[in-house]
């Protein structure tokens, strides 16, 4: 009969604990470790889960949802747009409950209310780890531009409320970081050269599902964002920067607020479920049905780049099983 030493007992207990932790992580959507080289996040606007995945209006997105990774119970964290965008890179809404411009806006009037965030963001974490970032915003007039809208206030194809980077002091006051806030056209050149490790891609308000009177056909909003996704995702997947450790995430900032008794800034999760899809090189359908939100996405990105978690991302369940599909 074999006699176990105290060291043997401790070793067995350690193995049991490790196995239990792995099981718990998988149940929470962790799905094991994954190291990213590139994450491309594309953010669309104001469509509920079912509306976004309408096979008649958005066939490309529906095809992605069936053949790639789909989060089926993912929600925006609040209403309206801006606080959701802040949550994606800051891990909090920072008390913001409206779409007011950045206090660094170049065309801010003296009587306008505005917002700014003093704390750190995903950008600080990435650069501290030697990694790179960029924003690609359609109709942004120039790299580093801090205008509230473009081409004009009455024709706001580009809207600053969809650019969370412009609100953080440590970005807006840093000329080198501001240069990483680029017009969408710059994505083509970057994909043919060296793309950033983290790319935040924002269509304009005719192509993101939001819609403006000036859009060619406001009734075609879903078809327009579907075509944008088809072209943009196709370009990314065809580039030299697309590898087995890369991923594209498509999500929406918020769903529709159907219960009008709920004030702006309320959590309203039942009215805020959105489609979120993860595209990887390996492909293959996968589903995560856990309750998730923008903090979960930030937590997943931070884990995949081996970064500490920020604020409300610190204890959020992740979407890692959608990223971590093994290549056959």
Protein backbone atom coordinates (compact mmCIF):
# COMPACT_ATOMS: atom_id res chain seq x y z
CA UNK A 1 0.00 0.00 0.00
CA UNK A 2 1.28 3.46 -0.96
CA UNK A 3 1.58 6.04 1.81
CA UNK A 4 0.88 9.68 0.85
CA UNK A 5 3.01 12.43 2.30
CA UNK A 6 1.65 15.77 3.42
CA UNK A 7 3.19 17.26 0.25
CA UNK A 8 1.28 14.74 -1.89
CA UNK A 9 -1.98 15.70 -0.21
CA UNK A 10 -1.34 19.40 -0.79
CA UNK A 11 -0.50 18.72 -4.45
CA UNK A 12 -3.75 16.80 -4.97
CA UNK A 13 -5.74 19.54 -3.29
CA UNK A 14 -4.09 22.13 -5.55
CA UNK A 15 -5.00 20.10 -8.66
CA UNK A 16 -8.59 19.76 -7.47
CA UNK A 17 -8.85 23.49 -6.84
CA UNK A 18 -7.39 24.31 -10.27
CA UNK A 19 -9.89 21.98 -11.95
CA UNK A 20 -12.77 23.54 -10.03
CA UNK A 21 -11.68 27.03 -11.04
CA UNK A 22 -11.41 26.02 -14.70
CA UNK A 23 -14.92 24.53 -14.58
CA UNK A 24 -16.27 27.68 -12.97
CA UNK A 25 -14.56 29.89 -15.59
CA UNK A 26 -15.98 27.85 -18.45
CA UNK A 27 -19.47 28.01 -16.96
CA UNK A 28 -19.15 31.78 -16.75
CA UNK A 29 -18.26 32.00 -20.44
CA UNK A 30 -14.50 32.15 -19.97
CA UNK A 31 -13.78 29.20 -22.24
CA UNK A 32 -10.06 29.17 -21.35
CA UNK A 33 -7.18 31.45 -22.24
CA UNK A 34 -6.83 33.23 -25.56
CA UNK A 35 -4.12 35.66 -26.61
CA UNK A 36 -5.12 38.23 -29.23
CA UNK A 37 -2.94 39.96 -31.79
CA UNK A 38 -5.73 42.10 -33.30
CA UNK A 39 -9.29 42.88 -32.21
CA UNK A 40 -11.48 44.90 -34.57
CA UNK A 41 -14.60 46.24 -32.82
CA UNK A 42 -17.39 47.55 -35.07
CA UNK A 43 -20.16 49.42 -33.25
CA UNK A 44 -23.59 49.93 -34.79
CA UNK A 45 -26.62 51.80 -33.47
CA UNK A 46 -30.05 51.41 -31.97
CA UNK A 47 -31.35 48.03 -33.15
CA UNK A 48 -32.83 45.35 -30.94
CA UNK A 49 -31.57 41.78 -31.23
CA UNK A 50 -34.43 40.55 -33.42
CA UNK A 51 -34.50 43.67 -35.58
CA UNK A 52 -30.77 43.43 -36.26
CA UNK A 53 -30.97 39.78 -37.27
CA UNK A 54 -33.67 40.12 -39.92
CA UNK A 55 -32.79 37.86 -42.84
CA UNK A 56 -34.68 40.09 -45.29
CA UNK A 57 -32.90 43.30 -44.24
CA UNK A 58 -29.48 42.18 -43.00
CA UNK A 59 -28.62 38.87 -44.69
CA UNK A 60 -24.86 39.24 -44.21
CA UNK A 61 -25.17 39.80 -40.45
CA UNK A 62 -27.58 36.89 -40.17
CA UNK A 63 -25.12 34.68 -42.04
CA UNK A 64 -22.36 35.72 -39.62
CA UNK A 65 -24.56 35.02 -36.60
CA UNK A 66 -25.25 31.48 -37.84
CA UNK A 67 -21.71 30.62 -38.88
CA UNK A 68 -19.65 32.41 -36.23
CA UNK A 69 -19.97 33.24 -32.51
CA UNK A 70 -23.24 34.73 -31.24
CA UNK A 71 -24.03 36.15 -27.80
CA UNK A 72 -27.78 35.66 -27.40
CA UNK A 73 -28.33 37.55 -24.14
CA UNK A 74 -26.07 40.58 -24.54
CA UNK A 75 -27.34 44.04 -23.54
CA UNK A 76 -26.32 47.65 -23.63
CA UNK A 77 -25.69 48.98 -20.15
CA UNK A 78 -27.96 52.04 -20.32
CA UNK A 79 -29.52 54.65 -22.61
CA UNK A 80 -28.68 56.82 -24.60
CA UNK A 81 -25.61 56.29 -26.84
CA UNK A 82 -22.65 58.05 -25.21
CA UNK A 83 -22.52 56.24 -21.84
CA UNK A 84 -22.56 52.90 -23.66
CA UNK A 85 -19.54 53.94 -25.72
CA UNK A 86 -17.70 55.12 -22.61
CA UNK A 87 -18.43 51.78 -20.96
CA UNK A 88 -16.81 49.89 -23.85
CA UNK A 89 -13.36 51.40 -23.27
CA UNK A 90 -13.63 52.72 -19.71
CA UNK A 91 -15.57 50.09 -17.79
CA UNK A 92 -18.09 52.62 -16.48
CA UNK A 93 -20.59 55.23 -17.63
CA UNK A 94 -18.96 57.78 -15.29
CA UNK A 95 -22.36 59.20 -14.35
CA UNK A 96 -23.06 60.32 -17.93
CA UNK A 97 -26.77 60.19 -18.77
CA UNK A 98 -26.95 62.11 -22.05
CA UNK A 99 -25.15 62.65 -25.37
CA UNK A 100 -23.49 65.99 -24.58
CA UNK A 101 -20.20 66.69 -26.39
CA UNK A 102 -16.69 66.38 -25.06
CA UNK A 103 -15.41 69.34 -23.06
CA UNK A 104 -12.47 69.27 -25.49
CA UNK A 105 -14.71 69.79 -28.54
CA UNK A 106 -13.13 72.35 -30.84
CA UNK A 107 -16.50 73.95 -31.58
CA UNK A 108 -17.91 73.93 -28.04
CA UNK A 109 -19.99 77.01 -27.29
CA UNK A 110 -19.68 78.81 -23.92
CA UNK A 111 -23.13 77.76 -22.74
CA UNK A 112 -23.00 74.11 -23.83
CA UNK A 113 -22.91 71.37 -21.24
CA UNK A 114 -20.14 68.85 -21.81
CA UNK A 115 -18.41 65.79 -20.36
CA UNK A 116 -14.85 64.66 -19.75
CA UNK A 117 -13.35 61.68 -17.95
CA UNK A 118 -10.21 62.03 -15.85
CA UNK A 119 -9.57 58.33 -15.31
CA UNK A 120 -7.67 55.84 -17.41
CA UNK A 121 -9.10 53.75 -20.21
CA UNK A 122 -8.27 50.74 -22.35
CA UNK A 123 -5.90 53.03 -24.27
CA UNK A 124 -3.69 53.55 -21.20
CA UNK A 125 -3.64 49.81 -20.58
CA UNK A 126 -2.75 48.94 -24.16
CA UNK A 127 0.08 51.45 -24.43
CA UNK A 128 1.48 50.46 -21.03
CA UNK A 129 1.74 46.91 -22.40
CA UNK A 130 3.43 48.06 -25.62
CA UNK A 131 0.27 47.56 -27.69
CA UNK A 132 -1.41 49.92 -30.13
CA UNK A 133 -4.91 51.31 -30.75
CA UNK A 134 -6.80 53.39 -33.27
CA UNK A 135 -10.27 54.76 -33.85
CA UNK A 136 -11.59 54.71 -37.43
CA UNK A 137 -14.62 56.98 -37.69
CA UNK A 138 -16.48 57.46 -40.95
CA UNK A 139 -16.82 61.15 -41.94
CA UNK A 140 -14.40 62.32 -39.23
CA UNK A 141 -12.87 65.28 -41.12
CA UNK A 142 -9.22 64.66 -40.17
CA UNK A 143 -7.04 62.69 -37.80
CA UNK A 144 -7.33 64.07 -34.29
CA UNK A 145 -10.32 66.29 -35.09
CA UNK A 146 -12.34 67.14 -31.99
CA UNK A 147 -15.34 68.59 -33.75
CA UNK A 148 -18.79 67.68 -32.42
CA UNK A 149 -20.20 66.83 -35.83
CA UNK A 150 -19.23 66.56 -39.47
CA UNK A 151 -19.84 67.81 -42.09
CA UNK A 152 -21.99 70.17 -39.98
CA UNK A 153 -24.19 70.35 -36.89
CA UNK A 154 -27.30 70.00 -39.04
CA UNK A 155 -25.80 67.18 -41.09
CA UNK A 156 -24.04 65.17 -38.41
CA UNK A 157 -22.90 62.10 -40.30
CA UNK A 158 -20.00 61.89 -37.86
CA UNK A 159 -21.22 62.43 -34.29
CA UNK A 160 -18.80 62.88 -31.39
CA UNK A 161 -21.16 61.00 -29.06
CA UNK A 162 -20.05 57.84 -30.93
CA UNK A 163 -16.36 58.52 -30.28
CA UNK A 164 -15.62 57.74 -26.63
CA UNK A 165 -11.88 58.48 -27.00
CA UNK A 166 -12.60 62.21 -27.37
CA UNK A 167 -13.93 62.36 -23.80
CA UNK A 168 -10.93 61.02 -21.88
CA UNK A 169 -8.51 63.67 -20.62
CA UNK A 170 -5.51 61.38 -21.12
CA UNK A 171 -6.35 61.01 -24.81
CA UNK A 172 -7.77 64.41 -25.75
CA UNK A 173 -4.83 66.24 -24.13
CA UNK A 174 -2.23 64.00 -25.77
CA UNK A 175 -1.38 64.99 -29.39
CA UNK A 176 0.22 61.63 -30.17
CA UNK A 177 -2.88 59.77 -29.05
CA UNK A 178 -5.20 62.17 -30.86
CA UNK A 179 -3.45 61.29 -34.11
CA UNK A 180 -4.72 57.73 -33.61
CA UNK A 181 -8.30 58.98 -33.99
CA UNK A 182 -8.57 58.65 -37.77
CA UNK A 183 -11.07 58.93 -40.61
CA UNK A 184 -12.35 55.55 -41.76
CA UNK A 185 -10.37 55.81 -45.01
CA UNK A 186 -7.15 55.30 -43.02
CA UNK A 187 -8.19 51.74 -42.22
CA UNK A 188 -7.40 50.61 -45.78
CA UNK A 189 -3.80 51.81 -45.58
CA UNK A 190 -3.33 50.42 -42.07
CA UNK A 191 -4.65 47.00 -43.08
CA UNK A 192 -2.12 46.87 -45.91
CA UNK A 193 0.67 47.81 -43.50
CA UNK A 194 0.56 47.31 -39.76
CA UNK A 195 -2.88 47.50 -38.18
CA UNK A 196 -3.27 48.40 -34.49
CA UNK A 197 -3.79 45.70 -31.92
CA UNK A 198 -7.16 47.22 -31.06
CA UNK A 199 -9.27 48.98 -33.68
CA UNK A 200 -12.54 50.72 -32.82
CA UNK A 201 -14.57 51.18 -36.02
CA UNK A 202 -17.52 53.58 -36.18
CA UNK A 203 -19.67 53.97 -39.32
CA UNK A 204 -21.41 57.30 -39.87
CA UNK A 205 -25.06 57.80 -39.04
CA UNK A 206 -26.26 56.70 -42.48
CA UNK A 207 -24.34 53.40 -42.21
CA UNK A 208 -24.59 52.50 -38.51
CA UNK A 209 -28.33 51.87 -38.31
CA UNK A 210 -29.09 55.20 -36.64
CA UNK A 211 -30.30 57.17 -39.63
CA UNK A 212 -30.70 60.83 -40.48
CA UNK A 213 -33.12 62.67 -42.72
CA UNK A 214 -30.24 63.32 -45.11
CA UNK A 215 -29.56 59.59 -45.60
CA UNK A 216 -30.46 58.45 -49.08
CA UNK A 217 -33.19 56.14 -47.84
CA UNK A 218 -33.85 56.04 -44.08
CA UNK A 219 -36.01 52.97 -44.66
CA UNK A 220 -32.88 51.07 -45.76
CA UNK A 221 -30.93 51.53 -42.53
CA UNK A 222 -30.46 47.81 -41.89
CA UNK A 223 -29.46 47.16 -45.48
CA UNK A 224 -26.97 50.01 -45.30
CA UNK A 225 -25.24 48.77 -42.14
CA UNK A 226 -25.31 45.24 -43.54
CA UNK A 227 -23.50 46.40 -46.68
CA UNK A 228 -21.01 48.37 -44.56
CA UNK A 229 -20.29 45.23 -42.52
CA UNK A 230 -19.87 43.09 -45.61
CA UNK A 231 -17.32 45.45 -47.14
CA UNK A 232 -15.42 46.24 -43.92
CA UNK A 233 -15.26 42.70 -42.57
CA UNK A 234 -14.27 41.44 -46.01
CA UNK A 235 -11.39 43.92 -46.15
CA UNK A 236 -10.17 42.95 -42.67
CA UNK A 237 -10.31 39.21 -43.36
CA UNK A 238 -8.47 39.65 -46.66
CA UNK A 239 -5.64 41.66 -45.09
CA UNK A 240 -2.19 40.60 -43.95
CA UNK A 241 -3.22 41.54 -40.39
CA UNK A 242 -5.85 38.79 -40.16
CA UNK A 243 -4.55 35.72 -38.34
CA UNK A 244 -5.74 32.85 -36.18
CA UNK A 245 -5.29 35.12 -33.16
CA UNK A 246 -7.41 37.94 -34.59
CA UNK A 247 -11.10 38.61 -34.05
CA UNK A 248 -13.81 40.95 -35.28
CA UNK A 249 -16.63 41.92 -32.93
CA UNK A 250 -19.88 43.43 -34.19
CA UNK A 251 -22.16 44.92 -31.56
CA UNK A 252 -24.75 47.68 -31.11
CA UNK A 253 -24.47 50.47 -28.57
CA UNK A 254 -28.04 50.00 -27.33
CA UNK A 255 -31.42 48.60 -28.28
CA UNK A 256 -34.64 50.54 -28.49
CA UNK A 257 -36.11 51.91 -25.27
CA UNK A 258 -39.63 50.51 -25.58
CA UNK A 259 -40.81 51.31 -22.06
CA UNK A 260 -41.19 55.08 -22.19
CA UNK A 261 -41.79 55.22 -18.43
CA UNK A 262 -38.07 54.51 -17.95
CA UNK A 263 -35.96 57.62 -17.93
CA UNK A 264 -32.77 58.04 -19.97
CA UNK A 265 -29.85 56.61 -18.02
CA UNK A 266 -31.89 53.74 -16.61
CA UNK A 267 -30.50 50.25 -17.05
CA UNK A 268 -33.60 48.98 -18.86
CA UNK A 269 -32.01 45.65 -19.76
CA UNK A 270 -35.26 44.14 -20.99
CA UNK A 271 -35.42 46.92 -23.58
CA UNK A 272 -31.72 46.87 -24.39
CA UNK A 273 -30.85 43.41 -25.75
CA UNK A 274 -28.62 43.67 -28.80
CA UNK A 275 -26.94 41.32 -31.26
CA UNK A 276 -23.23 40.73 -30.65
CA UNK A 277 -21.22 38.53 -32.99
CA UNK A 278 -17.59 37.40 -32.84
CA UNK A 279 -15.81 36.48 -36.07
CA UNK A 280 -12.60 34.46 -35.97
CA UNK A 281 -10.38 32.89 -38.62
CA UNK A 282 -11.35 29.38 -37.57
CA UNK A 283 -15.05 30.12 -37.77
CA UNK A 284 -17.60 27.52 -36.80
CA UNK A 285 -20.86 28.32 -35.01
CA UNK A 286 -20.81 28.92 -31.26
CA UNK A 287 -23.27 30.45 -28.81
CA UNK A 288 -22.94 32.16 -25.45
CA UNK A 289 -26.31 32.45 -23.73
CA UNK A 290 -25.12 34.00 -20.47
CA UNK A 291 -26.28 37.51 -19.47
CA UNK A 292 -23.53 39.76 -20.88
CA UNK A 293 -23.01 43.45 -21.64
CA UNK A 294 -20.41 46.00 -22.72
CA UNK A 295 -18.44 45.44 -19.51
CA UNK A 296 -18.20 41.76 -20.47
CA UNK A 297 -16.77 42.74 -23.85
CA UNK A 298 -14.18 45.01 -22.26
CA UNK A 299 -13.25 42.25 -19.80
CA UNK A 300 -12.80 39.79 -22.68
CA UNK A 301 -10.56 42.18 -24.61
CA UNK A 302 -8.49 42.92 -21.51
CA UNK A 303 -8.10 39.21 -20.71
CA UNK A 304 -7.11 38.45 -24.30
CA UNK A 305 -4.39 41.12 -24.25
CA UNK A 306 -3.32 40.11 -20.70
CA UNK A 307 -4.34 43.46 -19.21
CA UNK A 308 -5.84 44.19 -15.80
CA UNK A 309 -9.58 44.78 -15.78
CA UNK A 310 -11.05 48.25 -15.39
CA UNK A 311 -13.87 49.19 -13.02
CA UNK A 312 -17.12 47.31 -13.71
CA UNK A 313 -15.33 44.94 -16.06
CA UNK A 314 -13.48 43.57 -13.04
CA UNK A 315 -16.06 40.91 -12.20
CA UNK A 316 -17.94 40.67 -15.50
CA UNK A 317 -18.43 37.30 -17.21
CA UNK A 318 -16.71 37.12 -20.58
CA UNK A 319 -17.42 36.12 -24.16
CA UNK A 320 -14.14 34.21 -24.37
CA UNK A 321 -15.73 30.98 -25.57
CA UNK A 322 -16.78 32.85 -28.75
CA UNK A 323 -13.18 33.99 -29.33
CA UNK A 324 -11.55 30.75 -28.29
CA UNK A 325 -12.87 28.33 -30.94
CA UNK A 326 -10.00 25.97 -31.87
CA UNK A 327 -8.92 25.65 -35.49
CA UNK A 328 -9.42 22.17 -36.84
